[in-house]
Amino acid sequence: MKKGLGTLLALCVVFAVLRMAAVALALALGLAVVVALITRPRETLSFLGTLGLVILANARPLACIITLGVVGVAVVAAGALRKERHPLLLTDGSKRRPPDAEGLDRDLLG
């Protein structure tokens, strides 16, 4: 009887140590996510979004497929409805200037 009680007590101690290690690991991962959000927010948020999508795909595949379809249709519709914008020029602008900006350089230079 005492031998079984000693074994049970030893197992309880081992499981308590494992639980403490798991809690410490969870806290370390949480702290790592907070530090990553501060130092690299774009990469961290894209990682968390991808992780959430993978979890959703594993838990509810049909809901994930429907959600991706709706988001895809919304992106295509938003792209079709977007007004035509003039592309940004990566030059000094000497090749194509709007007509109302003729005298701006002269005004700035004096």
PDB file of N, CA and C in Angstrom:
ATOM      1  N   MET A   1       0.818  -1.187   0.000  1.00  0.00           N
ATOM      2  CA  MET A   1       0.000   0.000   0.000  1.00  0.00           C
ATOM      3  C   MET A   1       0.866   1.257   0.000  1.00  0.00           C
ATOM      4  N   LYS A   2       1.910   1.278   0.826  1.00  0.00           N
ATOM      5  CA  LYS A   2       2.777   2.440   0.887  1.00  0.00           C
ATOM      6  C   LYS A   2       3.571   2.595  -0.404  1.00  0.00           C
ATOM      7  N   LYS A   3       3.903   1.460  -1.037  1.00  0.00           N
ATOM      8  CA  LYS A   3       4.655   1.516  -2.284  1.00  0.00           C
ATOM      9  C   LYS A   3       3.797   2.146  -3.387  1.00  0.00           C
ATOM     10  N   GLY A   4       2.541   1.766  -3.462  1.00  0.00           N
ATOM     11  CA  GLY A   4       1.624   2.341  -4.456  1.00  0.00           C
ATOM     12  C   GLY A   4       1.373   3.821  -4.197  1.00  0.00           C
ATOM     13  N   LEU A   5       1.284   4.193  -2.914  1.00  0.00           N
ATOM     14  CA  LEU A   5       1.082   5.591  -2.556  1.00  0.00           C
ATOM     15  C   LEU A   5       2.315   6.426  -2.912  1.00  0.00           C
ATOM     16  N   GLY A   6       3.506   5.873  -2.726  1.00  0.00           N
ATOM     17  CA  GLY A   6       4.750   6.560  -3.099  1.00  0.00           C
ATOM     18  C   GLY A   6       4.853   6.751  -4.598  1.00  0.00           C
ATOM     19  N   THR A   7       4.455   5.735  -5.354  1.00  0.00           N
ATOM     20  CA  THR A   7       4.469   5.828  -6.814  1.00  0.00           C
ATOM     21  C   THR A   7       3.480   6.885  -7.284  1.00  0.00           C
ATOM     22  N   LEU A   8       2.295   6.898  -6.693  1.00  0.00           N
ATOM     23  CA  LEU A   8       1.283   7.890  -7.048  1.00  0.00           C
ATOM     24  C   LEU A   8       1.771   9.305  -6.733  1.00  0.00           C
ATOM     25  N   LEU A   9       2.395   9.473  -5.597  1.00  0.00           N
ATOM     26  CA  LEU A   9       2.934  10.779  -5.222  1.00  0.00           C
ATOM     27  C   LEU A   9       4.048  11.214  -6.179  1.00  0.00           C
ATOM     28  N   ALA A  10       4.912  10.282  -6.575  1.00  0.00           N
ATOM     29  CA  ALA A  10       5.989  10.593  -7.519  1.00  0.00           C
ATOM     30  C   ALA A  10       5.412  10.998  -8.874  1.00  0.00           C
ATOM     31  N   LEU A  11       4.364  10.303  -9.327  1.00  0.00           N
ATOM     32  CA  LEU A  11       3.716  10.657 -10.600  1.00  0.00           C
ATOM     33  C   LEU A  11       3.074  12.044 -10.520  1.00  0.00           C
ATOM     34  N   CYS A  12       2.485  12.366  -9.387  1.00  0.00           N
ATOM     35  CA  CYS A  12       1.884  13.695  -9.213  1.00  0.00           C
ATOM     36  C   CYS A  12       2.940  14.792  -9.293  1.00  0.00           C
ATOM     37  N   VAL A  13       4.086  14.543  -8.702  1.00  0.00           N
ATOM     38  CA  VAL A  13       5.168  15.524  -8.753  1.00  0.00           C
ATOM     39  C   VAL A  13       5.676  15.683 -10.181  1.00  0.00           C
ATOM     40  N   VAL A  14       5.835  14.562 -10.892  1.00  0.00           N
ATOM     41  CA  VAL A  14       6.306  14.622 -12.278  1.00  0.00           C
ATOM     42  C   VAL A  14       5.314  15.396 -13.142  1.00  0.00           C
ATOM     43  N   PHE A  15       4.027  15.125 -12.984  1.00  0.00           N
ATOM     44  CA  PHE A  15       3.022  15.831 -13.775  1.00  0.00           C
ATOM     45  C   PHE A  15       2.948  17.307 -13.405  1.00  0.00           C
ATOM     46  N   ALA A  16       3.180  17.644 -12.147  1.00  0.00           N
ATOM     47  CA  ALA A  16       3.200  19.046 -11.744  1.00  0.00           C
ATOM     48  C   ALA A  16       4.375  19.774 -12.384  1.00  0.00           C
ATOM     49  N   VAL A  17       5.522  19.131 -12.453  1.00  0.00           N
ATOM     50  CA  VAL A  17       6.690  19.740 -13.093  1.00  0.00           C
ATOM     51  C   VAL A  17       6.450  19.907 -14.593  1.00  0.00           C
ATOM     52  N   LEU A  18       5.841  18.912 -15.234  1.00  0.00           N
ATOM     53  CA  LEU A  18       5.524  19.013 -16.663  1.00  0.00           C
ATOM     54  C   LEU A  18       4.525  20.139 -16.922  1.00  0.00           C
ATOM     55  N   ARG A  19       3.534  20.267 -16.033  1.00  0.00           N
ATOM     56  CA  ARG A  19       2.558  21.336 -16.188  1.00  0.00           C
ATOM     57  C   ARG A  19       3.235  22.696 -16.042  1.00  0.00           C
ATOM     58  N   MET A  20       4.126  22.825 -15.084  1.00  0.00           N
ATOM     59  CA  MET A  20       4.847  24.072 -14.887  1.00  0.00           C
ATOM     60  C   MET A  20       5.702  24.397 -16.116  1.00  0.00           C
ATOM     61  N   ALA A  21       6.320  23.402 -16.697  1.00  0.00           N
ATOM     62  CA  ALA A  21       7.125  23.619 -17.901  1.00  0.00           C
ATOM     63  C   ALA A  21       6.241  24.053 -19.070  1.00  0.00           C
ATOM     64  N   ALA A  22       5.051  23.455 -19.188  1.00  0.00           N
ATOM     65  CA  ALA A  22       4.133  23.831 -20.265  1.00  0.00           C
ATOM     66  C   ALA A  22       3.655  25.269 -20.096  1.00  0.00           C
ATOM     67  N   VAL A  23       3.370  25.681 -18.870  1.00  0.00           N
ATOM     68  CA  VAL A  23       2.948  27.060 -18.617  1.00  0.00           C
ATOM     69  C   VAL A  23       4.086  28.022 -18.935  1.00  0.00           C
ATOM     70  N   ALA A  24       5.306  27.683 -18.558  1.00  0.00           N
ATOM     71  CA  ALA A  24       6.458  28.535 -18.851  1.00  0.00           C
ATOM     72  C   ALA A  24       6.675  28.658 -20.357  1.00  0.00           C
ATOM     73  N   LEU A  25       6.500  27.565 -21.078  1.00  0.00           N
ATOM     74  CA  LEU A  25       6.632  27.599 -22.537  1.00  0.00           C
ATOM     75  C   LEU A  25       5.551  28.468 -23.165  1.00  0.00           C
ATOM     76  N   ALA A  26       4.321  28.364 -22.676  1.00  0.00           N
ATOM     77  CA  ALA A  26       3.235  29.188 -23.202  1.00  0.00           C
ATOM     78  C   ALA A  26       3.500  30.673 -22.935  1.00  0.00           C
ATOM     79  N   LEU A  27       3.983  30.998 -21.754  1.00  0.00           N
ATOM     80  CA  LEU A  27       4.310  32.394 -21.450  1.00  0.00           C
ATOM     81  C   LEU A  27       5.451  32.899 -22.329  1.00  0.00           C
ATOM     82  N   ALA A  28       6.454  32.066 -22.565  1.00  0.00           N
ATOM     83  CA  ALA A  28       7.574  32.471 -23.423  1.00  0.00           C
ATOM     84  C   ALA A  28       7.103  32.701 -24.860  1.00  0.00           C
ATOM     85  N   LEU A  29       6.218  31.842 -25.358  1.00  0.00           N
ATOM     86  CA  LEU A  29       5.689  32.041 -26.709  1.00  0.00           C
ATOM     87  C   LEU A  29       4.842  33.302 -26.793  1.00  0.00           C
ATOM     88  N   GLY A  30       4.041  33.561 -25.770  1.00  0.00           N
ATOM     89  CA  GLY A  30       3.248  34.787 -25.748  1.00  0.00           C
ATOM     90  C   GLY A  30       4.122  36.030 -25.740  1.00  0.00           C
ATOM     91  N   LEU A  31       5.180  36.014 -24.950  1.00  0.00           N
ATOM     92  CA  LEU A  31       6.114  37.127 -24.919  1.00  0.00           C
ATOM     93  C   LEU A  31       6.832  37.291 -26.259  1.00  0.00           C
ATOM     94  N   ALA A  32       7.163  36.177 -26.894  1.00  0.00           N
ATOM     95  CA  ALA A  32       7.812  36.245 -28.204  1.00  0.00           C
ATOM     96  C   ALA A  32       6.882  36.862 -29.246  1.00  0.00           C
ATOM     97  N   VAL A  33       5.601  36.555 -29.177  1.00  0.00           N
ATOM     98  CA  VAL A  33       4.640  37.146 -30.114  1.00  0.00           C
ATOM     99  C   VAL A  33       4.521  38.649 -29.873  1.00  0.00           C
ATOM    100  N   VAL A  34       4.493  39.060 -28.623  1.00  0.00           N
ATOM    101  CA  VAL A  34       4.410  40.498 -28.316  1.00  0.00           C
ATOM    102  C   VAL A  34       5.649  41.222 -28.830  1.00  0.00           C
ATOM    103  N   VAL A  35       6.819  40.663 -28.616  1.00  0.00           N
ATOM    104  CA  VAL A  35       8.057  41.285 -29.104  1.00  0.00           C
ATOM    105  C   VAL A  35       8.057  41.327 -30.635  1.00  0.00           C
ATOM    106  N   ALA A  36       7.590  40.251 -31.262  1.00  0.00           N
ATOM    107  CA  ALA A  36       7.534  40.224 -32.728  1.00  0.00           C
ATOM    108  C   ALA A  36       6.538  41.248 -33.254  1.00  0.00           C
ATOM    109  N   LEU A  37       5.415  41.438 -32.562  1.00  0.00           N
ATOM    110  CA  LEU A  37       4.451  42.460 -32.989  1.00  0.00           C
ATOM    111  C   LEU A  37       5.043  43.859 -32.898  1.00  0.00           C
ATOM    112  N   ILE A  38       5.908  44.081 -31.937  1.00  0.00           N
ATOM    113  CA  ILE A  38       6.520  45.399 -31.792  1.00  0.00           C
ATOM    114  C   ILE A  38       7.613  45.610 -32.832  1.00  0.00           C
ATOM    115  N   THR A  39       8.449  44.591 -33.058  1.00  0.00           N
ATOM    116  CA  THR A  39       9.591  44.766 -33.961  1.00  0.00           C
ATOM    117  C   THR A  39       9.235  44.555 -35.430  1.00  0.00           C
ATOM    118  N   ARG A  40       8.392  43.588 -35.731  1.00  0.00           N
ATOM    119  CA  ARG A  40       8.012  43.290 -37.119  1.00  0.00           C
ATOM    120  C   ARG A  40       6.507  43.051 -37.213  1.00  0.00           C
ATOM    121  N   PRO A  41       5.711  44.109 -37.178  1.00  0.00           N
ATOM    122  CA  PRO A  41       4.261  43.921 -37.127  1.00  0.00           C
ATOM    123  C   PRO A  41       3.673  43.310 -38.398  1.00  0.00           C
ATOM    124  N   ARG A  42       4.154  43.700 -39.560  1.00  0.00           N
ATOM    125  CA  ARG A  42       3.571  43.187 -40.802  1.00  0.00           C
ATOM    126  C   ARG A  42       3.785  41.675 -40.930  1.00  0.00           C
ATOM    127  N   GLU A  43       5.005  41.224 -40.695  1.00  0.00           N
ATOM    128  CA  GLU A  43       5.298  39.802 -40.815  1.00  0.00           C
ATOM    129  C   GLU A  43       4.559  38.990 -39.747  1.00  0.00           C
ATOM    130  N   THR A  44       4.478  39.535 -38.538  1.00  0.00           N
ATOM    131  CA  THR A  44       3.809  38.815 -37.457  1.00  0.00           C
ATOM    132  C   THR A  44       2.323  38.699 -37.718  1.00  0.00           C
ATOM    133  N   LEU A  45       1.691  39.782 -38.164  1.00  0.00           N
ATOM    134  CA  LEU A  45       0.256  39.725 -38.431  1.00  0.00           C
ATOM    135  C   LEU A  45      -0.053  38.818 -39.616  1.00  0.00           C
ATOM    136  N   SER A  46       0.806  38.810 -40.623  1.00  0.00           N
ATOM    137  CA  SER A  46       0.572  37.895 -41.743  1.00  0.00           C
ATOM    138  C   SER A  46       0.758  36.446 -41.299  1.00  0.00           C
ATOM    139  N   PHE A  47       1.724  36.203 -40.413  1.00  0.00           N
ATOM    140  CA  PHE A  47       1.903  34.857 -39.873  1.00  0.00           C
ATOM    141  C   PHE A  47       0.690  34.432 -39.050  1.00  0.00           C
ATOM    142  N   LEU A  48       0.210  35.331 -38.192  1.00  0.00           N
ATOM    143  CA  LEU A  48      -0.950  34.988 -37.371  1.00  0.00           C
ATOM    144  C   LEU A  48      -2.203  34.792 -38.230  1.00  0.00           C
ATOM    145  N   GLY A  49      -2.343  35.584 -39.283  1.00  0.00           N
ATOM    146  CA  GLY A  49      -3.470  35.390 -40.202  1.00  0.00           C
ATOM    147  C   GLY A  49      -3.399  34.051 -40.923  1.00  0.00           C
ATOM    148  N   THR A  50      -2.200  33.697 -41.366  1.00  0.00           N
ATOM    149  CA  THR A  50      -2.019  32.400 -42.020  1.00  0.00           C
ATOM    150  C   THR A  50      -2.269  31.255 -41.051  1.00  0.00           C
ATOM    151  N   LEU A  51      -1.786  31.410 -39.822  1.00  0.00           N
ATOM    152  CA  LEU A  51      -2.019  30.394 -38.799  1.00  0.00           C
ATOM    153  C   LEU A  51      -3.510  30.233 -38.521  1.00  0.00           C
ATOM    154  N   GLY A  52      -4.215  31.351 -38.425  1.00  0.00           N
ATOM    155  CA  GLY A  52      -5.662  31.294 -38.218  1.00  0.00           C
ATOM    156  C   GLY A  52      -6.374  30.624 -39.377  1.00  0.00           C
ATOM    157  N   LEU A  53      -5.913  30.900 -40.602  1.00  0.00           N
ATOM    158  CA  LEU A  53      -6.518  30.271 -41.778  1.00  0.00           C
ATOM    159  C   LEU A  53      -6.278  28.769 -41.795  1.00  0.00           C
ATOM    160  N   VAL A  54      -5.090  28.350 -41.399  1.00  0.00           N
ATOM    161  CA  VAL A  54      -4.788  26.916 -41.336  1.00  0.00           C
ATOM    162  C   VAL A  54      -5.637  26.235 -40.262  1.00  0.00           C
ATOM    163  N   ILE A  55      -5.793  26.895 -39.120  1.00  0.00           N
ATOM    164  CA  ILE A  55      -6.619  26.331 -38.057  1.00  0.00           C
ATOM    165  C   ILE A  55      -8.073  26.235 -38.512  1.00  0.00           C
ATOM    166  N   LEU A  56      -8.564  27.273 -39.204  1.00  0.00           N
ATOM    167  CA  LEU A  56      -9.927  27.235 -39.726  1.00  0.00           C
ATOM    168  C   LEU A  56     -10.091  26.133 -40.765  1.00  0.00           C
ATOM    169  N   ALA A  57      -9.090  25.965 -41.623  1.00  0.00           N
ATOM    170  CA  ALA A  57      -9.174  24.933 -42.656  1.00  0.00           C
ATOM    171  C   ALA A  57      -9.177  23.536 -42.047  1.00  0.00           C
ATOM    172  N   ASN A  58      -8.451  23.346 -40.948  1.00  0.00           N
ATOM    173  CA  ASN A  58      -8.452  22.044 -40.298  1.00  0.00           C
ATOM    174  C   ASN A  58      -9.739  21.789 -39.530  1.00  0.00           C
ATOM    175  N   ALA A  59     -10.268  22.831 -38.901  1.00  0.00           N
ATOM    176  CA  ALA A  59     -11.453  22.652 -38.074  1.00  0.00           C
ATOM    177  C   ALA A  59     -12.725  22.572 -38.921  1.00  0.00           C
ATOM    178  N   ARG A  60     -12.878  23.472 -39.849  1.00  0.00           N
ATOM    179  CA  ARG A  60     -14.088  23.542 -40.666  1.00  0.00           C
ATOM    180  C   ARG A  60     -13.696  23.797 -42.133  1.00  0.00           C
ATOM    181  N   PRO A  61     -13.412  22.749 -42.881  1.00  0.00           N
ATOM    182  CA  PRO A  61     -12.947  22.946 -44.263  1.00  0.00           C
ATOM    183  C   PRO A  61     -13.981  23.623 -45.167  1.00  0.00           C
ATOM    184  N   LEU A  62     -15.250  23.262 -45.019  1.00  0.00           N
ATOM    185  CA  LEU A  62     -16.266  23.856 -45.879  1.00  0.00           C
ATOM    186  C   LEU A  62     -16.425  25.344 -45.601  1.00  0.00           C
ATOM    187  N   ALA A  63     -16.412  25.721 -44.330  1.00  0.00           N
ATOM    188  CA  ALA A  63     -16.510  27.139 -43.975  1.00  0.00           C
ATOM    189  C   ALA A  63     -15.311  27.908 -44.513  1.00  0.00           C
ATOM    190  N   CYS A  64     -14.150  27.288 -44.502  1.00  0.00           N
ATOM    191  CA  CYS A  64     -12.945  27.943 -45.014  1.00  0.00           C
ATOM    192  C   CYS A  64     -13.046  28.156 -46.521  1.00  0.00           C
ATOM    193  N   ILE A  65     -13.525  27.169 -47.235  1.00  0.00           N
ATOM    194  CA  ILE A  65     -13.669  27.293 -48.686  1.00  0.00           C
ATOM    195  C   ILE A  65     -14.682  28.377 -49.030  1.00  0.00           C
ATOM    196  N   ILE A  66     -15.797  28.415 -48.317  1.00  0.00           N
ATOM    197  CA  ILE A  66     -16.817  29.430 -48.568  1.00  0.00           C
ATOM    198  C   ILE A  66     -16.272  30.817 -48.255  1.00  0.00           C
ATOM    199  N   THR A  67     -15.564  30.951 -47.139  1.00  0.00           N
ATOM    200  CA  THR A  67     -14.998  32.244 -46.754  1.00  0.00           C
ATOM    201  C   THR A  67     -13.985  32.728 -47.785  1.00  0.00           C
ATOM    202  N   LEU A  68     -13.116  31.852 -48.227  1.00  0.00           N
ATOM    203  CA  LEU A  68     -12.132  32.250 -49.243  1.00  0.00           C
ATOM    204  C   LEU A  68     -12.818  32.646 -50.548  1.00  0.00           C
ATOM    205  N   GLY A  69     -13.887  31.945 -50.901  1.00  0.00           N
ATOM    206  CA  GLY A  69     -14.640  32.298 -52.104  1.00  0.00           C
ATOM    207  C   GLY A  69     -15.275  33.669 -52.001  1.00  0.00           C
ATOM    208  N   VAL A  70     -15.884  33.966 -50.854  1.00  0.00           N
ATOM    209  CA  VAL A  70     -16.518  35.274 -50.652  1.00  0.00           C
ATOM    210  C   VAL A  70     -15.478  36.386 -50.665  1.00  0.00           C
ATOM    211  N   VAL A  71     -14.354  36.168 -49.996  1.00  0.00           N
ATOM    212  CA  VAL A  71     -13.289  37.178 -49.981  1.00  0.00           C
ATOM    213  C   VAL A  71     -12.728  37.377 -51.389  1.00  0.00           C
ATOM    214  N   GLY A  72     -12.553  36.301 -52.132  1.00  0.00           N
ATOM    215  CA  GLY A  72     -12.063  36.412 -53.500  1.00  0.00           C
ATOM    216  C   GLY A  72     -12.999  37.205 -54.389  1.00  0.00           C
ATOM    217  N   VAL A  73     -14.302  36.929 -54.283  1.00  0.00           N
ATOM    218  CA  VAL A  73     -15.285  37.681 -55.071  1.00  0.00           C
ATOM    219  C   VAL A  73     -15.285  39.149 -54.670  1.00  0.00           C
ATOM    220  N   ALA A  74     -15.151  39.437 -53.379  1.00  0.00           N
ATOM    221  CA  ALA A  74     -15.125  40.822 -52.908  1.00  0.00           C
ATOM    222  C   ALA A  74     -13.891  41.559 -53.442  1.00  0.00           C
ATOM    223  N   VAL A  75     -12.754  40.883 -53.474  1.00  0.00           N
ATOM    224  CA  VAL A  75     -11.532  41.517 -53.984  1.00  0.00           C
ATOM    225  C   VAL A  75     -11.664  41.811 -55.474  1.00  0.00           C
ATOM    226  N   VAL A  76     -12.218  40.866 -56.233  1.00  0.00           N
ATOM    227  CA  VAL A  76     -12.404  41.085 -57.672  1.00  0.00           C
ATOM    228  C   VAL A  76     -13.402  42.202 -57.913  1.00  0.00           C
ATOM    229  N   ALA A  77     -14.489  42.223 -57.137  1.00  0.00           N
ATOM    230  CA  ALA A  77     -15.495  43.273 -57.309  1.00  0.00           C
ATOM    231  C   ALA A  77     -14.926  44.638 -56.934  1.00  0.00           C
ATOM    232  N   ALA A  78     -14.143  44.702 -55.880  1.00  0.00           N
ATOM    233  CA  ALA A  78     -13.548  45.978 -55.486  1.00  0.00           C
ATOM    234  C   ALA A  78     -12.554  46.460 -56.536  1.00  0.00           C
ATOM    235  N   GLY A  79     -11.826  45.541 -57.147  1.00  0.00           N
ATOM    236  CA  GLY A  79     -10.891  45.924 -58.199  1.00  0.00           C
ATOM    237  C   GLY A  79     -11.606  46.420 -59.442  1.00  0.00           C
ATOM    238  N   ALA A  80     -12.773  45.847 -59.743  1.00  0.00           N
ATOM    239  CA  ALA A  80     -13.530  46.272 -60.915  1.00  0.00           C
ATOM    240  C   ALA A  80     -14.196  47.621 -60.689  1.00  0.00           C
ATOM    241  N   LEU A  81     -14.587  47.909 -59.472  1.00  0.00           N
ATOM    242  CA  LEU A  81     -15.271  49.166 -59.170  1.00  0.00           C
ATOM    243  C   LEU A  81     -14.332  50.324 -58.896  1.00  0.00           C
ATOM    244  N   ARG A  82     -13.068  50.029 -58.712  1.00  0.00           N
ATOM    245  CA  ARG A  82     -12.108  51.076 -58.385  1.00  0.00           C
ATOM    246  C   ARG A  82     -11.913  52.011 -59.567  1.00  0.00           C
ATOM    247  N   LYS A  83     -11.848  53.298 -59.285  1.00  0.00           N
ATOM    248  CA  LYS A  83     -11.678  54.283 -60.350  1.00  0.00           C
ATOM    249  C   LYS A  83     -10.272  54.202 -60.916  1.00  0.00           C
ATOM    250  N   GLU A  84     -10.164  54.600 -62.162  1.00  0.00           N
ATOM    251  CA  GLU A  84      -8.863  54.609 -62.832  1.00  0.00           C
ATOM    252  C   GLU A  84      -8.014  55.726 -62.246  1.00  0.00           C
ATOM    253  N   ARG A  85      -6.860  55.385 -61.757  1.00  0.00           N
ATOM    254  CA  ARG A  85      -5.948  56.373 -61.200  1.00  0.00           C
ATOM    255  C   ARG A  85      -4.750  56.517 -62.119  1.00  0.00           C
ATOM    256  N   HIS A  86      -4.166  57.690 -62.072  1.00  0.00           N
ATOM    257  CA  HIS A  86      -2.949  57.890 -62.843  1.00  0.00           C
ATOM    258  C   HIS A  86      -1.801  57.193 -62.120  1.00  0.00           C
ATOM    259  N   PRO A  87      -0.988  56.452 -62.845  1.00  0.00           N
ATOM    260  CA  PRO A  87       0.121  55.754 -62.186  1.00  0.00           C
ATOM    261  C   PRO A  87       1.160  56.746 -61.669  1.00  0.00           C
ATOM    262  N   LEU A  88       1.790  56.378 -60.593  1.00  0.00           N
ATOM    263  CA  LEU A  88       2.850  57.224 -60.045  1.00  0.00           C
ATOM    264  C   LEU A  88       4.073  57.151 -60.942  1.00  0.00           C
ATOM    265  N   LEU A  89       4.653  58.295 -61.201  1.00  0.00           N
ATOM    266  CA  LEU A  89       5.841  58.334 -62.031  1.00  0.00           C
ATOM    267  C   LEU A  89       7.072  58.217 -61.151  1.00  0.00           C
ATOM    268  N   LEU A  90       7.987  57.369 -61.564  1.00  0.00           N
ATOM    269  CA  LEU A  90       9.221  57.203 -60.822  1.00  0.00           C
ATOM    270  C   LEU A  90      10.356  57.995 -61.450  1.00  0.00           C
ATOM    271  N   THR A  91       9.997  59.016 -62.210  1.00  0.00           N
ATOM    272  CA  THR A  91      10.999  59.878 -62.830  1.00  0.00           C
ATOM    273  C   THR A  91      10.884  61.260 -62.214  1.00  0.00           C
ATOM    274  N   ASP A  92      11.623  62.185 -62.766  1.00  0.00           N
ATOM    275  CA  ASP A  92      11.568  63.548 -62.239  1.00  0.00           C
ATOM    276  C   ASP A  92      10.347  64.303 -62.743  1.00  0.00           C
ATOM    277  N   GLY A  93       9.591  63.718 -63.623  1.00  0.00           N
ATOM    278  CA  GLY A  93       8.381  64.355 -64.112  1.00  0.00           C
ATOM    279  C   GLY A  93       8.581  65.204 -65.349  1.00  0.00           C
ATOM    280  N   SER A  94       9.779  65.225 -65.914  1.00  0.00           N
ATOM    281  CA  SER A  94      10.030  66.071 -67.071  1.00  0.00           C
ATOM    282  C   SER A  94       9.370  65.532 -68.330  1.00  0.00           C
ATOM    283  N   LYS A  95       9.072  64.264 -68.369  1.00  0.00           N
ATOM    284  CA  LYS A  95       8.480  63.681 -69.570  1.00  0.00           C
ATOM    285  C   LYS A  95       6.989  63.979 -69.662  1.00  0.00           C
ATOM    286  N   ARG A  96       6.306  64.026 -68.513  1.00  0.00           N
ATOM    287  CA  ARG A  96       4.870  64.274 -68.549  1.00  0.00           C
ATOM    288  C   ARG A  96       4.482  65.092 -67.322  1.00  0.00           C
ATOM    289  N   ARG A  97       4.066  66.322 -67.584  1.00  0.00           N
ATOM    290  CA  ARG A  97       3.641  67.189 -66.496  1.00  0.00           C
ATOM    291  C   ARG A  97       2.182  67.567 -66.705  1.00  0.00           C
ATOM    292  N   PRO A  98       1.452  67.664 -65.611  1.00  0.00           N
ATOM    293  CA  PRO A  98       0.085  68.167 -65.767  1.00  0.00           C
ATOM    294  C   PRO A  98       0.115  69.630 -66.185  1.00  0.00           C
ATOM    295  N   PRO A  99      -0.879  70.082 -66.925  1.00  0.00           N
ATOM    296  CA  PRO A  99      -0.844  71.458 -67.445  1.00  0.00           C
ATOM    297  C   PRO A  99      -0.857  72.521 -66.352  1.00  0.00           C
ATOM    298  N   ASP A 100      -1.404  72.247 -65.185  1.00  0.00           N
ATOM    299  CA  ASP A 100      -1.470  73.264 -64.143  1.00  0.00           C
ATOM    300  C   ASP A 100      -0.181  73.347 -63.323  1.00  0.00           C
ATOM    301  N   ALA A 101       0.807  72.518 -63.594  1.00  0.00           N
ATOM    302  CA  ALA A 101       2.051  72.527 -62.820  1.00  0.00           C
ATOM    303  C   ALA A 101       3.197  73.154 -63.600  1.00  0.00           C
ATOM    304  N   GLU A 102       2.890  73.946 -64.608  1.00  0.00           N
ATOM    305  CA  GLU A 102       3.937  74.537 -65.445  1.00  0.00           C
ATOM    306  C   GLU A 102       4.844  75.471 -64.657  1.00  0.00           C
ATOM    307  N   GLY A 103       4.283  76.348 -63.865  1.00  0.00           N
ATOM    308  CA  GLY A 103       5.087  77.365 -63.208  1.00  0.00           C
ATOM    309  C   GLY A 103       5.489  77.015 -61.789  1.00  0.00           C
ATOM    310  N   LEU A 104       5.227  75.825 -61.322  1.00  0.00           N
ATOM    311  CA  LEU A 104       5.533  75.475 -59.944  1.00  0.00           C
ATOM    312  C   LEU A 104       7.025  75.478 -59.669  1.00  0.00           C
ATOM    313  N   ASP A 105       7.816  74.937 -60.583  1.00  0.00           N
ATOM    314  CA  ASP A 105       9.264  74.902 -60.373  1.00  0.00           C
ATOM    315  C   ASP A 105       9.839  76.308 -60.357  1.00  0.00           C
ATOM    316  N   ARG A 106       9.351  77.169 -61.226  1.00  0.00           N
ATOM    317  CA  ARG A 106       9.860  78.535 -61.270  1.00  0.00           C
ATOM    318  C   ARG A 106       9.486  79.284 -59.999  1.00  0.00           C
ATOM    319  N   ASP A 107       8.306  79.022 -59.461  1.00  0.00           N
ATOM    320  CA  ASP A 107       7.885  79.695 -58.227  1.00  0.00           C
ATOM    321  C   ASP A 107       8.738  79.260 -57.043  1.00  0.00           C
ATOM    322  N   LEU A 108       9.097  77.994 -57.000  1.00  0.00           N
ATOM    323  CA  LEU A 108       9.875  77.477 -55.888  1.00  0.00           C
ATOM    324  C   LEU A 108      11.327  77.916 -55.971  1.00  0.00           C
ATOM    325  N   LEU A 109      11.850  78.014 -57.185  1.00  0.00           N
ATOM    326  CA  LEU A 109      13.254  78.351 -57.343  1.00  0.00           C
ATOM    327  C   LEU A 109      13.488  79.859 -57.246  1.00  0.00           C
ATOM    328  N   GLY A 110      12.476  80.641 -57.383  1.00  0.00           N
ATOM    329  CA  GLY A 110      12.632  82.082 -57.202  1.00  0.00           C
ATOM    330  C   GLY A 110      12.729  82.751 -58.477  1.00  0.00           C
TER     331      GLY A 110
END
